[in-house]
Amino acid sequence: MFADRVEAGRELAERLRGSLAPGALVLGIPRGGVIVAVEVARAVGGELDVVVVRKV
């Protein structure tokens, strides 16, 4: 497991490094996903945006 969402985002970014184009758009969802997405966007030099969803 991860110590926190920041660590999880860094690990995810490392695993995705070869799969994402530089400057890729990274989308995060609220309730924890945005924190992870911030780290991924930083690592790939990409843009960050938030997608707000609701339960169906």
N, C-alpha and C. Protein backbone atom coordinates (compact mmCIF):
# COMPACT_ATOMS: atom_id res chain seq x y z
N MET A 1 0.84 -1.18 0.00
CA MET A 1 0.00 0.00 0.00
C MET A 1 0.88 1.24 0.00
N PHE A 2 0.24 2.37 -0.12
CA PHE A 2 0.95 3.64 -0.19
C PHE A 2 0.77 4.42 1.10
N ALA A 3 1.75 5.23 1.41
CA ALA A 3 1.67 6.06 2.62
C ALA A 3 0.56 7.10 2.49
N ASP A 4 0.39 7.64 1.28
CA ASP A 4 -0.65 8.65 1.04
C ASP A 4 -0.90 8.74 -0.47
N ARG A 5 -1.80 9.62 -0.85
CA ARG A 5 -2.17 9.75 -2.26
C ARG A 5 -1.05 10.37 -3.09
N VAL A 6 -0.24 11.20 -2.48
CA VAL A 6 0.90 11.78 -3.20
C VAL A 6 1.86 10.67 -3.63
N GLU A 7 2.18 9.79 -2.72
CA GLU A 7 3.06 8.66 -3.04
C GLU A 7 2.43 7.79 -4.13
N ALA A 8 1.14 7.56 -4.03
CA ALA A 8 0.44 6.76 -5.05
C ALA A 8 0.53 7.43 -6.41
N GLY A 9 0.36 8.74 -6.45
CA GLY A 9 0.46 9.47 -7.71
C GLY A 9 1.84 9.40 -8.32
N ARG A 10 2.86 9.48 -7.48
CA ARG A 10 4.24 9.38 -7.97
C ARG A 10 4.53 8.00 -8.54
N GLU A 11 4.04 6.97 -7.86
CA GLU A 11 4.24 5.60 -8.34
C GLU A 11 3.49 5.39 -9.66
N LEU A 12 2.26 5.88 -9.74
CA LEU A 12 1.49 5.76 -10.98
C LEU A 12 2.19 6.49 -12.12
N ALA A 13 2.70 7.68 -11.84
CA ALA A 13 3.41 8.46 -12.86
C ALA A 13 4.62 7.70 -13.38
N GLU A 14 5.34 7.06 -12.49
CA GLU A 14 6.52 6.28 -12.88
C GLU A 14 6.11 5.13 -13.81
N ARG A 15 5.02 4.48 -13.49
CA ARG A 15 4.56 3.36 -14.31
C ARG A 15 4.00 3.82 -15.66
N LEU A 16 3.46 5.03 -15.71
CA LEU A 16 2.87 5.55 -16.94
C LEU A 16 3.85 6.34 -17.79
N ARG A 17 5.04 6.58 -17.28
CA ARG A 17 5.99 7.49 -17.92
C ARG A 17 6.17 7.21 -19.42
N GLY A 18 6.33 5.99 -19.84
CA GLY A 18 6.52 5.68 -21.26
C GLY A 18 5.24 5.67 -22.07
N SER A 19 4.10 5.70 -21.40
CA SER A 19 2.81 5.59 -22.09
C SER A 19 2.15 6.93 -22.39
N LEU A 20 2.55 7.97 -21.68
CA LEU A 20 1.93 9.27 -21.85
C LEU A 20 2.83 10.21 -22.64
N ALA A 21 2.23 10.93 -23.56
CA ALA A 21 2.98 11.92 -24.34
C ALA A 21 3.31 13.11 -23.45
N PRO A 22 4.45 13.76 -23.69
CA PRO A 22 4.76 14.97 -22.93
C PRO A 22 3.64 16.00 -23.12
N GLY A 23 3.24 16.62 -22.05
CA GLY A 23 2.17 17.61 -22.12
C GLY A 23 0.78 17.00 -22.15
N ALA A 24 0.66 15.73 -21.84
CA ALA A 24 -0.64 15.05 -21.87
C ALA A 24 -1.62 15.71 -20.91
N LEU A 25 -2.88 15.63 -21.24
CA LEU A 25 -3.93 16.11 -20.35
C LEU A 25 -4.24 15.02 -19.34
N VAL A 26 -4.12 15.35 -18.07
CA VAL A 26 -4.38 14.41 -16.99
C VAL A 26 -5.66 14.85 -16.29
N LEU A 27 -6.62 13.95 -16.18
CA LEU A 27 -7.89 14.26 -15.55
C LEU A 27 -7.97 13.58 -14.19
N GLY A 28 -8.43 14.32 -13.20
CA GLY A 28 -8.61 13.77 -11.86
C GLY A 28 -10.05 13.90 -11.42
N ILE A 29 -10.49 12.97 -10.61
CA ILE A 29 -11.84 13.05 -10.06
C ILE A 29 -11.75 13.40 -8.57
N PRO A 30 -12.72 14.16 -8.07
CA PRO A 30 -12.70 14.54 -6.66
C PRO A 30 -12.71 13.33 -5.72
N ARG A 31 -12.53 13.61 -4.45
CA ARG A 31 -12.49 12.62 -3.37
C ARG A 31 -11.22 11.78 -3.44
N GLY A 32 -10.10 12.44 -3.70
CA GLY A 32 -8.81 11.77 -3.66
C GLY A 32 -8.11 11.64 -4.99
N GLY A 33 -8.85 11.58 -6.06
CA GLY A 33 -8.24 11.39 -7.37
C GLY A 33 -7.48 12.59 -7.89
N VAL A 34 -7.88 13.78 -7.48
CA VAL A 34 -7.20 14.99 -7.93
C VAL A 34 -5.78 15.03 -7.38
N ILE A 35 -5.61 14.63 -6.15
CA ILE A 35 -4.28 14.63 -5.53
C ILE A 35 -3.34 13.69 -6.30
N VAL A 36 -3.84 12.54 -6.69
CA VAL A 36 -3.06 11.59 -7.47
C VAL A 36 -2.76 12.18 -8.85
N ALA A 37 -3.76 12.78 -9.48
CA ALA A 37 -3.60 13.35 -10.81
C ALA A 37 -2.59 14.49 -10.84
N VAL A 38 -2.52 15.27 -9.78
CA VAL A 38 -1.54 16.36 -9.69
C VAL A 38 -0.13 15.81 -9.84
N GLU A 39 0.16 14.74 -9.14
CA GLU A 39 1.50 14.15 -9.19
C GLU A 39 1.80 13.58 -10.57
N VAL A 40 0.82 12.98 -11.21
CA VAL A 40 1.02 12.44 -12.55
C VAL A 40 1.27 13.58 -13.53
N ALA A 41 0.47 14.63 -13.46
CA ALA A 41 0.63 15.78 -14.36
C ALA A 41 2.00 16.42 -14.18
N ARG A 42 2.45 16.57 -12.95
CA ARG A 42 3.78 17.14 -12.70
C ARG A 42 4.87 16.28 -13.32
N ALA A 43 4.76 14.99 -13.16
CA ALA A 43 5.80 14.08 -13.63
C ALA A 43 5.92 14.07 -15.15
N VAL A 44 4.80 14.20 -15.85
CA VAL A 44 4.84 14.16 -17.32
C VAL A 44 4.83 15.55 -17.94
N GLY A 45 4.78 16.58 -17.10
CA GLY A 45 4.75 17.94 -17.62
C GLY A 45 3.45 18.23 -18.34
N GLY A 46 2.39 17.62 -17.87
CA GLY A 46 1.10 17.75 -18.54
C GLY A 46 0.18 18.75 -17.88
N GLU A 47 -0.94 18.97 -18.53
CA GLU A 47 -1.98 19.84 -17.99
C GLU A 47 -2.88 19.01 -17.08
N LEU A 48 -3.48 19.68 -16.13
CA LEU A 48 -4.36 19.01 -15.18
C LEU A 48 -5.74 19.64 -15.25
N ASP A 49 -6.76 18.81 -15.24
CA ASP A 49 -8.13 19.29 -15.15
C ASP A 49 -8.90 18.33 -14.26
N VAL A 50 -10.04 18.80 -13.79
CA VAL A 50 -10.87 18.02 -12.88
C VAL A 50 -12.16 17.65 -13.58
N VAL A 51 -12.57 16.40 -13.42
CA VAL A 51 -13.83 15.93 -13.96
C VAL A 51 -14.75 15.67 -12.78
N VAL A 52 -15.85 16.39 -12.73
CA VAL A 52 -16.81 16.22 -11.64
C VAL A 52 -17.88 15.24 -12.10
N VAL A 53 -18.06 14.20 -11.34
CA VAL A 53 -19.04 13.16 -11.68
C VAL A 53 -19.99 12.99 -10.51
N ARG A 54 -21.08 12.32 -10.77
CA ARG A 54 -22.00 12.01 -9.67
C ARG A 54 -22.44 10.57 -9.81
N LYS A 55 -22.85 10.02 -8.70
CA LYS A 55 -23.29 8.62 -8.70
C LYS A 55 -24.58 8.48 -9.49
N VAL A 56 -24.72 7.37 -10.14
CA VAL A 56 -25.93 7.10 -10.92
C VAL A 56 -26.88 6.29 -10.08
